[in-house]
Amino acid sequence: MSATNQKTALTLFNQTNVQDKFEKLLGKKAQGFISSVLQIVNGNKLLQNADPMTVYNAAATAAVLDLPIDPNLGFAWIVPYKGKAQFQMGWKGFVQLALRTGQYKAINVTEVYENQFKSFNRLTEELDADFNKYGEGEIVGYASYFKLNNGMEKLTYWSRNEIEKHAKKYSQSYGKGSMSPWNDKEQFHAMAKKTVLKNMISKWGIMSIEMQTAHLADQSVQKEEGSYDYVDNSNTIDIEAENINEEESRIKLFIDKADTLEALEQLKESVPEQLMFYYEAREDELQIA
């Protein structure tokens, strides 16, 4: 570890204002969270030499989302990249945030092995696979599924080839040594599952404010809090902004379809501030009716 960065990182996380911020976010869990951050940094030479402010902002994002950053748990990570620290969501983190909305009755993502897979119809989105069989052979794809409390269901399937094409297109470090989790055999599967699940939720699911933050922060470097720099892929910001716009349109549709005040109330936590006027207008209509 560079002596300067080590001292700066330790000093940063021990400052009173930093301690206070994490305590406001996490309460009694703050000290344990800060200790876990410092343990992760001290155990990773690349993070030790990373810009301490990017480490701090990545940690703050995990705290805002109330997700643990223990690599063994798979909810979120702080990952070094070219002298900076990236915040990365895990697929388990997206599942956790989805469940917190209270809108998902079921949600999951899984590998599909060659002895399980039969066919996938892209038009009807019907996956013919026998998940009662224990997976054997090569992993040929990844499937994700959710069911909302209102009965809406969605299933998506990506082949292994589609995942690899996605990784090559959206990760500059794909195939270049150990710079990307895509290049590690075990992490590849976790990244693939996250990609399929994240794409499904952003296009068809209900996203809370937390979920929107997670989508924007994922795989970003933050030199300043809330300023996202996608150092491994400059196109990501356009994609995520497009997903957020799609989400706003979808929330409007759900608001329009709510036919009782109770149904509308269930959506409230997922409505972003910029759409509250739309929500309140529908609330007025239902009260009059």
C-alpha atoms as a PDB file:
ATOM      1  CA  MET A   1       0.000   0.000   0.000  1.00  0.00           C
ATOM      2  CA  SER A   2       1.230   3.468  -0.742  1.00  0.00           C
ATOM      3  CA  ALA A   3       1.868   5.150   2.612  1.00  0.00           C
ATOM      4  CA  THR A   4       0.018   8.262   1.453  1.00  0.00           C
ATOM      5  CA  ASN A   5      -3.107   6.373   0.397  1.00  0.00           C
ATOM      6  CA  GLN A   6      -3.082   4.177   3.491  1.00  0.00           C
ATOM      7  CA  LYS A   7      -2.885   7.184   5.775  1.00  0.00           C
ATOM      8  CA  THR A   8      -5.522   9.034   3.769  1.00  0.00           C
ATOM      9  CA  ALA A   9      -7.945   6.096   3.758  1.00  0.00           C
ATOM     10  CA  LEU A  10      -7.563   5.518   7.482  1.00  0.00           C
ATOM     11  CA  THR A  11      -7.851   9.218   8.211  1.00  0.00           C
ATOM     12  CA  LEU A  12     -10.894   9.584   5.974  1.00  0.00           C
ATOM     13  CA  PHE A  13     -12.898   6.810   7.616  1.00  0.00           C
ATOM     14  CA  ASN A  14     -11.943   7.965  11.087  1.00  0.00           C
ATOM     15  CA  GLN A  15     -13.019  11.571  10.609  1.00  0.00           C
ATOM     16  CA  THR A  16     -15.926  12.594  12.843  1.00  0.00           C
ATOM     17  CA  ASN A  17     -18.090  13.814   9.963  1.00  0.00           C
ATOM     18  CA  VAL A  18     -17.579  10.533   8.097  1.00  0.00           C
ATOM     19  CA  GLN A  19     -18.383   8.511  11.206  1.00  0.00           C
ATOM     20  CA  ASP A  20     -21.514  10.621  11.720  1.00  0.00           C
ATOM     21  CA  LYS A  21     -22.647  10.091   8.125  1.00  0.00           C
ATOM     22  CA  PHE A  22     -22.408   6.313   8.342  1.00  0.00           C
ATOM     23  CA  GLU A  23     -24.153   6.344  11.720  1.00  0.00           C
ATOM     24  CA  LYS A  24     -27.056   8.312  10.219  1.00  0.00           C
ATOM     25  CA  LEU A  25     -27.263   5.796   7.374  1.00  0.00           C
ATOM     26  CA  LEU A  26     -26.732   2.595   9.311  1.00  0.00           C
ATOM     27  CA  GLY A  27     -27.276   3.357  12.990  1.00  0.00           C
ATOM     28  CA  LYS A  28     -25.668   0.772  15.248  1.00  0.00           C
ATOM     29  CA  LYS A  29     -24.352  -1.128  12.228  1.00  0.00           C
ATOM     30  CA  ALA A  30     -22.075   1.775  11.222  1.00  0.00           C
ATOM     31  CA  GLN A  31     -18.919   0.793  13.085  1.00  0.00           C
ATOM     32  CA  GLY A  32     -19.101  -2.788  11.866  1.00  0.00           C
ATOM     33  CA  PHE A  33     -19.630  -1.573   8.309  1.00  0.00           C
ATOM     34  CA  ILE A  34     -16.640   0.806   8.466  1.00  0.00           C
ATOM     35  CA  SER A  35     -14.485  -1.983   9.881  1.00  0.00           C
ATOM     36  CA  SER A  36     -15.487  -4.260   7.003  1.00  0.00           C
ATOM     37  CA  VAL A  37     -14.549  -1.544   4.482  1.00  0.00           C
ATOM     38  CA  LEU A  38     -11.105  -1.122   6.023  1.00  0.00           C
ATOM     39  CA  GLN A  39     -10.590  -4.890   6.161  1.00  0.00           C
ATOM     40  CA  ILE A  40     -11.426  -5.173   2.470  1.00  0.00           C
ATOM     41  CA  VAL A  41      -9.047  -2.327   1.596  1.00  0.00           C
ATOM     42  CA  ASN A  42      -6.246  -3.707   3.762  1.00  0.00           C
ATOM     43  CA  GLY A  43      -6.645  -7.122   2.139  1.00  0.00           C
ATOM     44  CA  ASN A  44      -6.455  -5.863  -1.455  1.00  0.00           C
ATOM     45  CA  LYS A  45      -3.268  -4.242  -2.739  1.00  0.00           C
ATOM     46  CA  LEU A  46      -5.032  -2.633  -5.698  1.00  0.00           C
ATOM     47  CA  LEU A  47      -7.651  -1.070  -3.432  1.00  0.00           C
ATOM     48  CA  GLN A  48      -4.899   0.049  -1.095  1.00  0.00           C
ATOM     49  CA  ASN A  49      -3.484   2.157  -3.917  1.00  0.00           C
ATOM     50  CA  ALA A  50      -6.859   3.343  -5.215  1.00  0.00           C
ATOM     51  CA  ASP A  51      -8.081   6.934  -4.832  1.00  0.00           C
ATOM     52  CA  PRO A  52      -9.420   6.957  -1.226  1.00  0.00           C
ATOM     53  CA  MET A  53     -12.366   9.222  -2.105  1.00  0.00           C
ATOM     54  CA  THR A  54     -13.610   6.673  -4.637  1.00  0.00           C
ATOM     55  CA  VAL A  55     -13.352   3.983  -1.951  1.00  0.00           C
ATOM     56  CA  TYR A  56     -15.330   6.211   0.401  1.00  0.00           C
ATOM     57  CA  ASN A  57     -18.057   6.965  -2.157  1.00  0.00           C
ATOM     58  CA  ALA A  58     -18.378   3.304  -3.143  1.00  0.00           C
ATOM     59  CA  ALA A  59     -18.765   2.418   0.537  1.00  0.00           C
ATOM     60  CA  ALA A  60     -21.290   5.230   1.036  1.00  0.00           C
ATOM     61  CA  THR A  61     -23.370   3.898  -1.861  1.00  0.00           C
ATOM     62  CA  ALA A  62     -23.473   0.446  -0.274  1.00  0.00           C
ATOM     63  CA  ALA A  63     -24.478   2.072   3.022  1.00  0.00           C
ATOM     64  CA  VAL A  64     -27.253   4.118   1.383  1.00  0.00           C
ATOM     65  CA  LEU A  65     -28.597   0.898  -0.127  1.00  0.00           C
ATOM     66  CA  ASP A  66     -28.032  -0.922   3.185  1.00  0.00           C
ATOM     67  CA  LEU A  67     -26.168  -3.757   1.472  1.00  0.00           C
ATOM     68  CA  PRO A  68     -23.211  -5.603   3.025  1.00  0.00           C
ATOM     69  CA  ILE A  69     -19.941  -5.491   1.065  1.00  0.00           C
ATOM     70  CA  ASP A  70     -18.498  -8.761   2.311  1.00  0.00           C
ATOM     71  CA  PRO A  71     -17.345 -10.460  -0.936  1.00  0.00           C
ATOM     72  CA  ASN A  72     -18.446 -13.838   0.411  1.00  0.00           C
ATOM     73  CA  LEU A  73     -22.086 -12.708   0.661  1.00  0.00           C
ATOM     74  CA  GLY A  74     -22.432 -11.505  -2.941  1.00  0.00           C
ATOM     75  CA  PHE A  75     -24.698  -8.492  -2.384  1.00  0.00           C
ATOM     76  CA  ALA A  76     -22.252  -5.736  -3.376  1.00  0.00           C
ATOM     77  CA  TRP A  77     -18.529  -5.198  -3.844  1.00  0.00           C
ATOM     78  CA  ILE A  78     -15.899  -2.480  -3.854  1.00  0.00           C
ATOM     79  CA  VAL A  79     -13.685  -3.347  -6.814  1.00  0.00           C
ATOM     80  CA  PRO A  80     -10.362  -1.750  -7.879  1.00  0.00           C
ATOM     81  CA  TYR A  81     -10.010  -0.537 -11.466  1.00  0.00           C
ATOM     82  CA  LYS A  82      -7.171   1.570 -12.850  1.00  0.00           C
ATOM     83  CA  GLY A  83      -6.306   3.303  -9.585  1.00  0.00           C
ATOM     84  CA  LYS A  84      -9.906   3.884  -8.516  1.00  0.00           C
ATOM     85  CA  ALA A  85     -12.613   1.989  -6.664  1.00  0.00           C
ATOM     86  CA  GLN A  86     -15.783   0.877  -8.417  1.00  0.00           C
ATOM     87  CA  PHE A  87     -19.064   0.079  -6.712  1.00  0.00           C
ATOM     88  CA  GLN A  88     -20.525  -3.146  -8.060  1.00  0.00           C
ATOM     89  CA  MET A  89     -23.882  -4.705  -7.348  1.00  0.00           C
ATOM     90  CA  GLY A  90     -24.265  -8.463  -7.097  1.00  0.00           C
ATOM     91  CA  TRP A  91     -27.331 -10.308  -8.346  1.00  0.00           C
ATOM     92  CA  LYS A  92     -28.295 -11.012  -4.734  1.00  0.00           C
ATOM     93  CA  GLY A  93     -28.264  -7.260  -4.095  1.00  0.00           C
ATOM     94  CA  PHE A  94     -30.787  -6.661  -6.873  1.00  0.00           C
ATOM     95  CA  VAL A  95     -33.008  -9.435  -5.497  1.00  0.00           C
ATOM     96  CA  GLN A  96     -32.802  -7.870  -2.039  1.00  0.00           C
ATOM     97  CA  LEU A  97     -33.785  -4.416  -3.303  1.00  0.00           C
ATOM     98  CA  ALA A  98     -36.638  -5.854  -5.356  1.00  0.00           C
ATOM     99  CA  LEU A  99     -38.055  -7.712  -2.360  1.00  0.00           C
ATOM    100  CA  ARG A 100     -37.893  -4.548  -0.249  1.00  0.00           C
ATOM    101  CA  THR A 101     -40.389  -2.843  -2.558  1.00  0.00           C
ATOM    102  CA  GLY A 102     -43.083  -5.250  -1.389  1.00  0.00           C
ATOM    103  CA  GLN A 103     -44.234  -5.572  -5.001  1.00  0.00           C
ATOM    104  CA  TYR A 104     -42.523  -8.868  -5.862  1.00  0.00           C
ATOM    105  CA  LYS A 105     -44.158 -12.153  -4.888  1.00  0.00           C
ATOM    106  CA  ALA A 106     -41.233 -14.126  -6.323  1.00  0.00           C
ATOM    107  CA  ILE A 107     -37.931 -13.321  -8.038  1.00  0.00           C
ATOM    108  CA  ASN A 108     -34.960 -15.480  -8.977  1.00  0.00           C
ATOM    109  CA  VAL A 109     -32.161 -16.079 -11.486  1.00  0.00           C
ATOM    110  CA  THR A 110     -30.303 -19.310 -12.225  1.00  0.00           C
ATOM    111  CA  GLU A 111     -27.799 -21.021 -14.491  1.00  0.00           C
ATOM    112  CA  VAL A 112     -29.206 -23.403 -17.106  1.00  0.00           C
ATOM    113  CA  TYR A 113     -27.130 -26.535 -17.776  1.00  0.00           C
ATOM    114  CA  GLU A 114     -26.994 -28.473 -21.018  1.00  0.00           C
ATOM    115  CA  ASN A 115     -28.804 -31.491 -19.537  1.00  0.00           C
ATOM    116  CA  GLN A 116     -31.672 -29.209 -18.416  1.00  0.00           C
ATOM    117  CA  PHE A 117     -32.136 -27.052 -21.525  1.00  0.00           C
ATOM    118  CA  LYS A 118     -34.400 -28.070 -24.405  1.00  0.00           C
ATOM    119  CA  SER A 119     -35.505 -24.879 -26.166  1.00  0.00           C
ATOM    120  CA  PHE A 120     -36.446 -21.223 -25.754  1.00  0.00           C
ATOM    121  CA  ASN A 121     -39.099 -19.433 -27.813  1.00  0.00           C
ATOM    122  CA  ARG A 122     -38.104 -15.768 -28.140  1.00  0.00           C
ATOM    123  CA  LEU A 123     -41.544 -14.677 -29.267  1.00  0.00           C
ATOM    124  CA  THR A 124     -43.603 -16.265 -26.481  1.00  0.00           C
ATOM    125  CA  GLU A 125     -40.689 -16.275 -24.013  1.00  0.00           C
ATOM    126  CA  GLU A 126     -41.385 -19.888 -23.115  1.00  0.00           C
ATOM    127  CA  LEU A 127     -38.367 -21.712 -21.717  1.00  0.00           C
ATOM    128  CA  ASP A 128     -38.479 -25.492 -22.034  1.00  0.00           C
ATOM    129  CA  ALA A 129     -36.016 -26.690 -19.407  1.00  0.00           C
ATOM    130  CA  ASP A 130     -36.159 -29.383 -16.735  1.00  0.00           C
ATOM    131  CA  PHE A 131     -35.047 -27.716 -13.501  1.00  0.00           C
ATOM    132  CA  ASN A 132     -35.950 -30.856 -11.546  1.00  0.00           C
ATOM    133  CA  LYS A 133     -32.719 -32.324 -12.900  1.00  0.00           C
ATOM    134  CA  TYR A 134     -29.462 -31.579 -11.113  1.00  0.00           C
ATOM    135  CA  GLY A 135     -27.422 -29.436 -13.505  1.00  0.00           C
ATOM    136  CA  GLU A 136     -24.694 -31.339 -15.336  1.00  0.00           C
ATOM    137  CA  GLY A 137     -22.366 -30.546 -18.208  1.00  0.00           C
ATOM    138  CA  GLU A 138     -21.716 -27.038 -19.503  1.00  0.00           C
ATOM    139  CA  ILE A 139     -23.742 -23.989 -18.507  1.00  0.00           C
ATOM    140  CA  VAL A 140     -25.529 -23.043 -21.736  1.00  0.00           C
ATOM    141  CA  GLY A 141     -27.456 -20.001 -20.497  1.00  0.00           C
ATOM    142  CA  TYR A 142     -29.053 -18.048 -17.671  1.00  0.00           C
ATOM    143  CA  ALA A 143     -32.739 -17.620 -16.833  1.00  0.00           C
ATOM    144  CA  SER A 144     -34.424 -15.028 -14.625  1.00  0.00           C
ATOM    145  CA  TYR A 145     -38.027 -14.780 -13.467  1.00  0.00           C
ATOM    146  CA  PHE A 146     -40.279 -12.614 -11.353  1.00  0.00           C
ATOM    147  CA  LYS A 147     -43.926 -12.500 -10.367  1.00  0.00           C
ATOM    148  CA  LEU A 148     -45.504  -9.321  -9.000  1.00  0.00           C
ATOM    149  CA  ASN A 149     -48.221  -9.247  -6.376  1.00  0.00           C
ATOM    150  CA  ASN A 150     -50.654  -8.057  -9.053  1.00  0.00           C
ATOM    151  CA  GLY A 151     -50.090 -11.312 -10.960  1.00  0.00           C
ATOM    152  CA  MET A 152     -47.781 -10.023 -13.700  1.00  0.00           C
ATOM    153  CA  GLU A 153     -45.050 -12.547 -14.568  1.00  0.00           C
ATOM    154  CA  LYS A 154     -41.862 -12.203 -16.602  1.00  0.00           C
ATOM    155  CA  LEU A 155     -39.233 -14.711 -17.692  1.00  0.00           C
ATOM    156  CA  THR A 156     -36.070 -13.971 -19.633  1.00  0.00           C
ATOM    157  CA  TYR A 157     -33.344 -16.250 -20.953  1.00  0.00           C
ATOM    158  CA  TRP A 158     -29.889 -15.377 -22.303  1.00  0.00           C
ATOM    159  CA  SER A 159     -27.644 -17.962 -23.912  1.00  0.00           C
ATOM    160  CA  ARG A 160     -23.990 -18.224 -22.870  1.00  0.00           C
ATOM    161  CA  ASN A 161     -23.059 -16.778 -26.256  1.00  0.00           C
ATOM    162  CA  GLU A 162     -25.304 -13.737 -25.714  1.00  0.00           C
ATOM    163  CA  ILE A 163     -23.733 -13.135 -22.313  1.00  0.00           C
ATOM    164  CA  GLU A 164     -20.213 -13.280 -23.758  1.00  0.00           C
ATOM    165  CA  LYS A 165     -21.143 -10.852 -26.553  1.00  0.00           C
ATOM    166  CA  HIS A 166     -22.616  -8.483 -23.953  1.00  0.00           C
ATOM    167  CA  ALA A 167     -19.457  -8.667 -21.834  1.00  0.00           C
ATOM    168  CA  LYS A 168     -17.213  -7.970 -24.825  1.00  0.00           C
ATOM    169  CA  LYS A 169     -19.352  -5.009 -25.865  1.00  0.00           C
ATOM    170  CA  TYR A 170     -19.793  -3.381 -22.470  1.00  0.00           C
ATOM    171  CA  SER A 171     -16.545  -4.187 -20.642  1.00  0.00           C
ATOM    172  CA  GLN A 172     -13.303  -2.805 -22.045  1.00  0.00           C
ATOM    173  CA  SER A 173     -11.361  -5.086 -19.701  1.00  0.00           C
ATOM    174  CA  TYR A 174     -13.103  -8.296 -20.832  1.00  0.00           C
ATOM    175  CA  GLY A 175     -10.463 -10.886 -21.717  1.00  0.00           C
ATOM    176  CA  LYS A 176      -7.618  -8.738 -20.349  1.00  0.00           C
ATOM    177  CA  GLY A 177      -6.085 -10.589 -17.421  1.00  0.00           C
ATOM    178  CA  SER A 178      -7.643 -10.121 -13.989  1.00  0.00           C
ATOM    179  CA  MET A 179      -8.868  -6.541 -14.484  1.00  0.00           C
ATOM    180  CA  SER A 180     -12.506  -7.591 -14.791  1.00  0.00           C
ATOM    181  CA  PRO A 181     -14.664 -10.052 -12.807  1.00  0.00           C
ATOM    182  CA  TRP A 182     -15.791 -11.314 -16.213  1.00  0.00           C
ATOM    183  CA  ASN A 183     -12.353 -12.918 -16.542  1.00  0.00           C
ATOM    184  CA  ASP A 184     -12.688 -15.095 -13.432  1.00  0.00           C
ATOM    185  CA  LYS A 185     -14.521 -18.396 -13.973  1.00  0.00           C
ATOM    186  CA  GLU A 186     -16.623 -18.232 -10.802  1.00  0.00           C
ATOM    187  CA  GLN A 187     -17.264 -14.490 -10.957  1.00  0.00           C
ATOM    188  CA  PHE A 188     -18.281 -14.821 -14.618  1.00  0.00           C
ATOM    189  CA  HIS A 189     -21.383 -16.773 -13.601  1.00  0.00           C
ATOM    190  CA  ALA A 190     -22.266 -14.228 -10.906  1.00  0.00           C
ATOM    191  CA  MET A 191     -21.831 -11.368 -13.411  1.00  0.00           C
ATOM    192  CA  ALA A 192     -23.914 -13.236 -15.996  1.00  0.00           C
ATOM    193  CA  LYS A 193     -26.763 -13.805 -13.538  1.00  0.00           C
ATOM    194  CA  LYS A 194     -26.653 -10.159 -12.505  1.00  0.00           C
ATOM    195  CA  THR A 195     -26.735  -9.017 -16.139  1.00  0.00           C
ATOM    196  CA  VAL A 196     -29.835 -11.061 -16.970  1.00  0.00           C
ATOM    197  CA  LEU A 197     -31.648 -10.138 -13.752  1.00  0.00           C
ATOM    198  CA  LYS A 198     -30.749  -6.440 -13.926  1.00  0.00           C
ATOM    199  CA  ASN A 199     -31.873  -6.201 -17.547  1.00  0.00           C
ATOM    200  CA  MET A 200     -35.190  -7.919 -16.780  1.00  0.00           C
ATOM    201  CA  ILE A 201     -35.982  -5.689 -13.805  1.00  0.00           C
ATOM    202  CA  SER A 202     -35.034  -2.475 -15.605  1.00  0.00           C
ATOM    203  CA  LYS A 203     -37.234  -3.272 -18.587  1.00  0.00           C
ATOM    204  CA  TRP A 204     -40.262  -4.953 -17.036  1.00  0.00           C
ATOM    205  CA  GLY A 205     -40.155  -4.779 -13.246  1.00  0.00           C
ATOM    206  CA  ILE A 206     -41.061  -2.159 -10.676  1.00  0.00           C
ATOM    207  CA  MET A 207     -38.067  -0.202  -9.420  1.00  0.00           C
ATOM    208  CA  SER A 208     -37.953   1.708  -6.167  1.00  0.00           C
ATOM    209  CA  ILE A 209     -35.775   4.795  -5.690  1.00  0.00           C
ATOM    210  CA  GLU A 210     -33.189   2.469  -4.122  1.00  0.00           C
ATOM    211  CA  MET A 211     -33.291   0.256  -7.188  1.00  0.00           C
ATOM    212  CA  GLN A 212     -32.831   3.219  -9.536  1.00  0.00           C
ATOM    213  CA  THR A 213     -29.828   4.348  -7.477  1.00  0.00           C
ATOM    214  CA  ALA A 214     -28.367   0.844  -7.650  1.00  0.00           C
ATOM    215  CA  HIS A 215     -28.763   0.730 -11.439  1.00  0.00           C
ATOM    216  CA  LEU A 216     -26.970   4.056 -11.858  1.00  0.00           C
ATOM    217  CA  ALA A 217     -24.224   3.306  -9.321  1.00  0.00           C
ATOM    218  CA  ASP A 218     -23.476  -0.228 -10.498  1.00  0.00           C
ATOM    219  CA  GLN A 219     -19.972  -0.520 -12.015  1.00  0.00           C
ATOM    220  CA  SER A 220     -19.328   3.191 -11.568  1.00  0.00           C
ATOM    221  CA  VAL A 221     -16.535   5.207  -9.989  1.00  0.00           C
ATOM    222  CA  GLN A 222     -17.651   8.211  -7.937  1.00  0.00           C
ATOM    223  CA  LYS A 223     -15.015  10.864  -7.415  1.00  0.00           C
ATOM    224  CA  GLU A 224     -17.869  12.930  -5.992  1.00  0.00           C
ATOM    225  CA  GLU A 225     -20.945  11.411  -4.392  1.00  0.00           C
ATOM    226  CA  GLY A 226     -23.703  10.910  -6.954  1.00  0.00           C
ATOM    227  CA  SER A 227     -21.434  11.629  -9.955  1.00  0.00           C
ATOM    228  CA  TYR A 228     -21.128   8.357 -11.845  1.00  0.00           C
ATOM    229  CA  ASP A 229     -18.136   7.641 -14.091  1.00  0.00           C
ATOM    230  CA  TYR A 230     -18.279   4.319 -15.938  1.00  0.00           C
ATOM    231  CA  VAL A 231     -14.548   3.852 -16.448  1.00  0.00           C
ATOM    232  CA  ASP A 232     -14.900   0.345 -17.884  1.00  0.00           C
ATOM    233  CA  ASN A 233     -17.638   1.337 -20.323  1.00  0.00           C
ATOM    234  CA  SER A 234     -18.450   4.879 -21.433  1.00  0.00           C
ATOM    235  CA  ASN A 235     -21.774   3.742 -22.966  1.00  0.00           C
ATOM    236  CA  THR A 236     -23.272   2.555 -19.683  1.00  0.00           C
ATOM    237  CA  ILE A 237     -24.567   5.973 -18.575  1.00  0.00           C
ATOM    238  CA  ASP A 238     -26.712   6.276 -21.711  1.00  0.00           C
ATOM    239  CA  ILE A 239     -28.102   2.784 -21.187  1.00  0.00           C
ATOM    240  CA  GLU A 240     -28.946   3.385 -17.532  1.00  0.00           C
ATOM    241  CA  ALA A 241     -30.526   6.766 -18.266  1.00  0.00           C
ATOM    242  CA  GLU A 242     -32.675   5.073 -20.915  1.00  0.00           C
ATOM    243  CA  ASN A 243     -33.698   2.389 -18.403  1.00  0.00           C
ATOM    244  CA  ILE A 244     -34.725   5.040 -15.861  1.00  0.00           C
ATOM    245  CA  ASN A 245     -36.839   6.799 -18.510  1.00  0.00           C
ATOM    246  CA  GLU A 246     -38.480   3.479 -19.354  1.00  0.00           C
ATOM    247  CA  GLU A 247     -39.144   2.914 -15.665  1.00  0.00           C
ATOM    248  CA  GLU A 248     -40.884   6.286 -15.346  1.00  0.00           C
ATOM    249  CA  SER A 249     -43.164   5.405 -18.262  1.00  0.00           C
ATOM    250  CA  ARG A 250     -43.924   2.043 -16.700  1.00  0.00           C
ATOM    251  CA  ILE A 251     -44.758   3.584 -13.312  1.00  0.00           C
ATOM    252  CA  LYS A 252     -47.152   5.991 -15.050  1.00  0.00           C
ATOM    253  CA  LEU A 253     -48.863   2.982 -16.620  1.00  0.00           C
ATOM    254  CA  PHE A 254     -49.203   1.234 -13.245  1.00  0.00           C
ATOM    255  CA  ILE A 255     -50.613   4.442 -11.716  1.00  0.00           C
ATOM    256  CA  ASP A 256     -53.167   4.728 -14.522  1.00  0.00           C
ATOM    257  CA  LYS A 257     -54.222   1.094 -14.045  1.00  0.00           C
ATOM    258  CA  ALA A 258     -54.708   1.404 -10.274  1.00  0.00           C
ATOM    259  CA  ASP A 259     -58.501   1.273  -9.867  1.00  0.00           C
ATOM    260  CA  THR A 260     -58.688   1.666  -6.078  1.00  0.00           C
ATOM    261  CA  LEU A 261     -56.944   3.848  -3.514  1.00  0.00           C
ATOM    262  CA  GLU A 262     -55.555   0.677  -1.907  1.00  0.00           C
ATOM    263  CA  ALA A 263     -53.977  -0.453  -5.184  1.00  0.00           C
ATOM    264  CA  LEU A 264     -52.542   3.018  -5.726  1.00  0.00           C
ATOM    265  CA  GLU A 265     -51.128   3.155  -2.194  1.00  0.00           C
ATOM    266  CA  GLN A 266     -49.123  -0.015  -2.861  1.00  0.00           C
ATOM    267  CA  LEU A 267     -47.221   1.828  -5.584  1.00  0.00           C
ATOM    268  CA  LYS A 268     -46.319   4.900  -3.542  1.00  0.00           C
ATOM    269  CA  GLU A 269     -42.861   3.783  -2.380  1.00  0.00           C
ATOM    270  CA  SER A 270     -41.827   3.097  -5.977  1.00  0.00           C
ATOM    271  CA  VAL A 271     -42.907   6.501  -7.324  1.00  0.00           C
ATOM    272  CA  PRO A 272     -39.959   8.896  -7.874  1.00  0.00           C
ATOM    273  CA  GLU A 273     -40.272  12.489  -6.721  1.00  0.00           C
ATOM    274  CA  GLN A 274     -40.644  13.808 -10.270  1.00  0.00           C
ATOM    275  CA  LEU A 275     -43.791  11.669 -10.743  1.00  0.00           C
ATOM    276  CA  MET A 276     -45.495  12.432  -7.421  1.00  0.00           C
ATOM    277  CA  PHE A 277     -47.685  15.069  -9.060  1.00  0.00           C
ATOM    278  CA  TYR A 278     -48.913  12.348 -11.435  1.00  0.00           C
ATOM    279  CA  TYR A 279     -49.564  10.007  -8.503  1.00  0.00           C
ATOM    280  CA  GLU A 280     -51.440  12.695  -6.557  1.00  0.00           C
ATOM    281  CA  ALA A 281     -53.592  13.553  -9.577  1.00  0.00           C
ATOM    282  CA  ARG A 282     -54.657   9.908  -9.874  1.00  0.00           C
ATOM    283  CA  GLU A 283     -55.278   9.820  -6.117  1.00  0.00           C
ATOM    284  CA  ASP A 284     -57.624  12.811  -6.449  1.00  0.00           C
ATOM    285  CA  GLU A 285     -59.480  11.084  -9.301  1.00  0.00           C
ATOM    286  CA  LEU A 286     -60.046   7.924  -7.236  1.00  0.00           C
ATOM    287  CA  GLN A 287     -61.176   9.898  -4.174  1.00  0.00           C
ATOM    288  CA  ILE A 288     -63.777  11.743  -6.272  1.00  0.00           C
ATOM    289  CA  ALA A 289     -64.937   8.491  -7.852  1.00  0.00           C
END
